[in-house]
Each structure stands twice: as C-alpha cells, then as structure tokens.
Protein backbone atom coordinates (compact mmCIF):
# COMPACT_ATOMS: atom_id res chain seq x y z
CA UNK A 1 -36.87 -47.01 52.62
CA UNK A 2 -38.36 -49.75 52.72
CA UNK A 3 -39.90 -49.51 49.18
CA UNK A 4 -36.96 -48.32 47.78
CA UNK A 5 -34.57 -50.23 45.74
CA UNK A 6 -30.99 -49.05 45.26
CA UNK A 7 -29.75 -49.78 41.82
CA UNK A 8 -25.86 -50.19 40.79
CA UNK A 9 -24.16 -48.53 37.74
CA UNK A 10 -21.00 -49.80 36.72
CA UNK A 11 -20.73 -51.39 40.21
CA UNK A 12 -21.49 -48.32 41.58
CA UNK A 13 -25.02 -47.44 43.94
CA UNK A 14 -27.15 -44.83 42.60
CA UNK A 15 -27.86 -41.89 44.77
CA UNK A 16 -30.93 -40.92 43.61
CA UNK A 17 -33.45 -43.77 43.80
CA UNK A 18 -37.15 -43.65 43.01
CA UNK A 19 -39.93 -45.60 44.64
CA UNK A 20 -41.23 -48.49 43.09
CA UNK A 21 -44.37 -47.26 42.24
CA UNK A 22 -42.65 -45.24 39.31
CA UNK A 23 -42.97 -41.56 40.67
CA UNK A 24 -40.34 -39.08 40.78
CA UNK A 25 -39.19 -37.59 44.18
CA UNK A 26 -40.82 -34.40 45.71
CA UNK A 27 -38.58 -31.31 43.96
CA UNK A 28 -35.56 -30.91 46.63
CA UNK A 29 -35.27 -27.53 48.52
CA UNK A 30 -33.63 -24.28 46.41
CA UNK A 31 -30.04 -24.49 46.50
CA UNK A 32 -28.29 -21.38 48.43
CA UNK A 33 -26.65 -18.91 45.64
CA UNK A 34 -23.47 -19.61 47.48
CA UNK A 35 -23.92 -22.95 48.48
CA UNK A 36 -24.02 -23.47 44.11
CA UNK A 37 -21.05 -21.04 43.66
CA UNK A 38 -18.68 -22.83 46.42
CA UNK A 39 -19.49 -25.95 44.22
CA UNK A 40 -18.33 -24.64 41.01
CA UNK A 41 -15.66 -23.41 42.25
CA UNK A 42 -14.69 -27.08 43.58
CA UNK A 43 -15.98 -28.42 40.55
CA UNK A 44 -12.81 -26.04 38.87
CA UNK A 45 -10.35 -26.13 41.23
CA UNK A 46 -10.17 -30.23 40.84
CA UNK A 47 -10.36 -29.53 37.17
CA UNK A 48 -7.53 -27.53 36.94
CA UNK A 49 -5.30 -29.55 39.64
CA UNK A 50 -6.17 -32.51 37.13
CA UNK A 51 -5.58 -30.76 33.72
CA UNK A 52 -2.22 -29.33 35.54
CA UNK A 53 -0.80 -32.65 36.65
CA UNK A 54 -1.73 -34.30 33.07
CA UNK A 55 0.16 -31.36 31.43
CA UNK A 56 3.46 -31.81 33.48
CA UNK A 57 3.23 -35.43 32.71
CA UNK A 58 2.74 -35.43 28.86
CA UNK A 59 5.25 -32.58 28.45
CA UNK A 60 7.94 -34.50 30.24
CA UNK A 61 11.05 -35.01 27.89
CA UNK A 62 13.19 -37.76 28.18
CA UNK A 63 16.78 -37.48 27.59
CA UNK A 64 18.46 -39.37 24.82
CA UNK A 65 20.55 -42.28 25.73
CA UNK A 66 23.70 -43.48 23.85
CA UNK A 67 22.73 -46.40 20.94
CA UNK A 68 24.13 -49.32 20.64
CA UNK A 69 26.05 -48.12 17.66
CA UNK A 70 27.55 -45.28 19.15
CA UNK A 71 29.54 -47.39 21.96
CA UNK A 72 32.78 -47.20 19.90
CA UNK A 73 35.49 -47.54 21.69
CA UNK A 74 37.72 -45.88 24.44
CA UNK A 75 40.13 -44.31 22.41
CA UNK A 76 42.89 -46.78 22.48
CA UNK A 77 45.70 -44.80 20.47
CA UNK A 78 49.12 -44.96 21.37
CA UNK A 79 50.02 -41.79 19.43
CA UNK A 80 48.40 -38.59 18.15
CA UNK A 81 48.46 -34.79 18.40
CA UNK A 82 48.99 -33.25 21.96
CA UNK A 83 48.82 -29.76 23.31
CA UNK A 84 50.49 -27.98 25.90
CA UNK A 85 49.29 -26.95 29.46
CA UNK A 86 46.60 -24.29 29.05
CA UNK A 87 43.50 -23.89 31.32
CA UNK A 88 40.13 -24.38 29.29
CA UNK A 89 37.27 -21.64 28.74
CA UNK A 90 34.75 -22.93 27.17
CA UNK A 91 33.13 -25.75 24.99
CA UNK A 92 31.28 -26.16 22.24
CA UNK A 93 29.58 -29.43 20.70
CA UNK A 94 27.60 -28.11 17.67
CA UNK A 95 26.34 -31.82 17.30
CA UNK A 96 23.83 -31.38 20.07
CA UNK A 97 23.89 -27.49 20.16
CA UNK A 98 26.03 -26.95 23.63
CA UNK A 99 28.08 -23.71 24.14
CA UNK A 100 28.87 -23.01 27.70
CA UNK A 101 31.88 -21.62 29.80
CA UNK A 102 33.93 -23.97 31.66
CA UNK A 103 34.06 -23.90 35.15
CA UNK A 104 36.97 -25.17 37.27
CA UNK A 105 36.01 -27.35 39.97
CA UNK A 106 38.08 -29.30 42.60
CA UNK A 107 36.67 -32.35 45.11
CA UNK A 108 34.20 -32.44 47.81
CA UNK A 109 34.76 -32.58 51.21
CA UNK A 110 33.94 -36.62 51.02
CA UNK A 111 36.61 -37.27 48.02
CA UNK A 112 33.92 -37.19 45.58
CA UNK A 113 34.33 -34.37 42.20
CA UNK A 114 32.46 -31.19 42.55
CA UNK A 115 30.05 -30.62 40.11
CA UNK A 116 27.91 -27.34 39.51
CA UNK A 117 25.39 -26.37 41.46
CA UNK A 118 22.17 -27.45 40.38
CA UNK A 119 19.87 -24.55 41.61
CA UNK A 120 22.80 -21.43 39.78
CA UNK A 121 25.10 -23.17 37.35
CA UNK A 122 23.01 -26.09 35.66
CA UNK A 123 23.66 -24.39 32.61
CA UNK A 124 27.30 -24.89 32.96
CA UNK A 125 29.68 -27.56 32.44
CA UNK A 126 32.63 -27.77 34.62
CA UNK A 127 36.65 -29.01 34.05
CA UNK A 128 37.72 -31.00 36.63
CA UNK A 129 41.01 -29.15 37.20
CA UNK A 130 43.07 -31.93 38.48
CA UNK A 131 43.13 -33.84 35.25
CA UNK A 132 45.16 -33.18 32.51
CA UNK A 133 43.95 -29.72 30.54
CA UNK A 134 42.21 -30.53 27.04
CA UNK A 135 45.13 -31.38 25.02
CA UNK A 136 47.72 -32.55 26.87
CA UNK A 137 48.44 -36.11 26.96
CA UNK A 138 46.19 -37.75 29.53
CA UNK A 139 42.12 -38.00 29.95
CA UNK A 140 40.60 -34.59 30.64
CA UNK A 141 37.07 -34.33 32.44
CA UNK A 142 34.67 -31.90 31.59
CA UNK A 143 31.21 -32.90 33.48
CA UNK A 144 27.60 -31.10 33.67
CA UNK A 145 24.25 -31.86 34.79
CA UNK A 146 21.83 -33.72 32.64
CA UNK A 147 18.67 -31.57 34.18
CA UNK A 148 17.59 -29.27 36.85
CA UNK A 149 14.49 -28.07 38.72
CA UNK A 150 14.18 -25.81 35.71
CA UNK A 151 14.33 -28.55 32.87
CA UNK A 152 16.75 -29.49 30.63
CA UNK A 153 20.41 -28.49 31.82
CA UNK A 154 23.87 -28.49 29.71
CA UNK A 155 24.22 -31.93 28.84
CA UNK A 156 20.70 -33.01 28.67
CA UNK A 157 21.53 -34.29 25.21
CA UNK A 158 24.76 -35.91 25.31
CA UNK A 159 23.86 -39.35 24.60
CA UNK A 160 22.56 -38.60 21.24
CA UNK A 161 26.82 -37.54 20.10
CA UNK A 162 27.47 -40.43 17.72
CA UNK A 163 31.31 -41.63 16.50
CA UNK A 164 32.65 -38.96 14.46
CA UNK A 165 30.81 -35.50 16.22
CA UNK A 166 33.10 -32.76 17.02
CA UNK A 167 34.19 -31.52 20.53
CA UNK A 168 35.55 -28.55 20.46
CA UNK A 169 36.96 -26.54 23.92
CA UNK A 170 38.76 -23.15 23.97
CA UNK A 171 42.03 -22.77 25.92
CA UNK A 172 43.58 -19.36 28.06
CA UNK A 173 46.04 -19.52 25.52
CA UNK A 174 43.45 -18.92 22.43
CA UNK A 175 44.01 -22.33 21.20
CA UNK A 176 41.14 -23.99 20.37
CA UNK A 177 41.81 -28.12 20.30
CA UNK A 178 39.13 -29.91 18.09
CA UNK A 179 38.44 -33.33 19.58
CA UNK A 180 36.65 -36.38 18.15
CA UNK A 181 34.21 -38.76 19.57
CA UNK A 182 35.34 -41.82 19.60
CA UNK A 183 32.36 -43.81 21.99
CA UNK A 184 29.23 -42.96 23.86
CA UNK A 185 28.79 -45.56 26.61
CA UNK A 186 26.33 -45.65 29.61
CA UNK A 187 27.22 -47.37 33.14
CA UNK A 188 25.72 -47.93 36.20
CA UNK A 189 26.87 -45.82 38.89
CA UNK A 190 27.16 -49.04 41.44
CA UNK A 191 30.06 -50.59 38.32
CA UNK A 192 31.48 -47.41 37.17
CA UNK A 193 34.66 -47.63 35.79
CA UNK A 194 36.36 -45.39 37.00
CA UNK A 195 40.07 -46.36 36.01
CA UNK A 196 38.36 -46.47 32.47
CA UNK A 197 37.06 -43.35 32.69
CA UNK A 198 40.20 -41.45 34.58
CA UNK A 199 42.73 -43.18 34.19
CA UNK A 200 46.24 -42.55 32.67
CA UNK A 201 45.88 -42.68 28.62
CA UNK A 202 49.64 -41.71 26.32
CA UNK A 203 47.31 -39.78 23.68
CA UNK A 204 45.58 -36.84 24.28
CA UNK A 205 41.70 -38.40 25.19
CA UNK A 206 38.67 -35.80 26.40
CA UNK A 207 35.76 -37.32 28.86
CA UNK A 208 32.41 -35.65 28.86
CA UNK A 209 30.49 -36.94 32.03
CA UNK A 210 26.81 -36.57 33.34
CA UNK A 211 23.73 -38.69 34.72
CA UNK A 212 21.68 -41.10 32.73
CA UNK A 213 19.76 -44.38 32.87
CA UNK A 214 16.69 -44.48 35.03
CA UNK A 215 16.00 -41.78 37.87
CA UNK A 216 15.57 -42.94 41.58
CA UNK A 217 12.50 -40.93 43.10
CA UNK A 218 13.65 -42.47 46.70
CA UNK A 219 17.24 -40.96 46.59
CA UNK A 220 16.91 -38.27 43.92
CA UNK A 221 19.53 -39.46 42.20
CA UNK A 222 19.94 -40.80 38.54
CA UNK A 223 21.06 -44.48 38.55
CA UNK A 224 23.41 -44.65 35.39
CA UNK A 225 26.27 -42.46 33.78
CA UNK A 226 26.21 -41.21 30.35
CA UNK A 227 30.32 -40.97 29.34
CA UNK A 228 31.23 -39.47 25.99
CA UNK A 229 34.90 -40.94 24.94
CA UNK A 230 37.02 -38.35 22.74
CA UNK A 231 40.67 -37.91 21.24
CA UNK A 232 42.56 -35.02 19.74
CA UNK A 233 42.92 -34.60 16.63
CA UNK A 234 43.67 -30.80 15.73
CA UNK A 235 43.85 -27.46 16.85
CA UNK A 236 43.97 -24.27 15.79
CA UNK A 237 44.03 -20.42 16.96
CA UNK A 238 41.05 -18.10 16.81
CA UNK A 239 41.10 -15.39 13.93
C-alpha cells in the first residue's frame, strides 16, 4: 500500500483508491448471485426500517392543550338548578365528538381513583362512583384516558373545549343533565389541586379529567392533568 494515497470525502476515508499512476485497479472477482441477493435484501430491510420509523414520527398526533383564553373559572356559583340522585349512563360532548357509555369505578387498593383499563376500555369514560351523580349538588367527577397503545382514547381532545361548550350526561332515570363549560385548565400532577377538583360545592358541578402535558418516557406517565370545569344549566327527558 506504499504508493496508494487514501483520500477523504466529507471527512470519511475513501474505501476504493487508485495508485499514483492513475490507472484503475484490476477488476474484482465476480460476486456470487447469492451474495448479491443477500446484500440487496439487507439494504431493503434497512430502508424499510428507516421508512417505518419516519412514518411513525411523522404520523404522531399531539393532543390539544387548553388555551389561556379557556381558563375561565372553576364555577364559583352559589345557586342554580339541581337534580335528584340518579346514576349516569352515558356522556356526550358534541364540540369534540365524544359519545361514550359511562363505567362506574371506585378506588384502587392504594387509595387512588380507579381508571378504565388502558388495554380494553380506553374508549370509555368512567364516573367516579363516590362523587355526587351528575346534577346533584356537589362536584361529580368523570374521567377518561387521553390515549392508549392503539392511539387516541376517549378524552384525547378534552383540552380543545372552550367556555360555553355543552356536556350532556344521560342518567338512569331517563333525564339528560346539560352542563356548560366554565373553564379548562391544566395542572402539574406534582401540584394537583385535589380540593379544588374534588371538594364540596354548593351547586351542581361537573369535572372532566384526563392526562395532559409532557409524556415522561422514564415513568410511562404524563406529567400533567387536563381538567374541565362545568356547571348544570338545564335538564330534559328523552323523547
């Protein structure tokens, strides 16, 4: 290799070189058909993998987050309509295309509120059964997942709600409770205002809760929660 000058292109050493005489080296031994096929297949696999990764990255859809204009209020009312106790059956939120039956869930062994199974019930919202039923005096709580391993879940677009949007909750007695959104806010889970969310109120309030903010890949959890505050404005029976 004494008379061969190795050149670099873009900082990389050139693998194929020519002697200083300028003549091209003799032809290489002919590669077998099998070896060439293996090389082609390897290249295709690499390209396919890169394409898949690129497609996944480009097709990711991020959930909408509450705007500052939608912060509104948590609903500091001292009066308003109310309904007798009746378990909720379903929830509909026309502004974001949500229509879901309602599961009835309690608490886990560690005292945390239960959530629907992310594997089999990510498309269903759940009423916290130890909160008032929607329309009763107090804060009724409905929760749902933001996303799952399959993609967006039932409350994926919760953060897109605005003040004045309606939330309709159908009850077991045939009455539909109609709530008006008064505020949409996002809270760090490390500073979650539990008393504001779950505490007693003197009017018929509704809280819709899901995850939000940044996803922490180390823990597998979102760092924030999106909370929608709403209050009862009317009710009607299904025709």
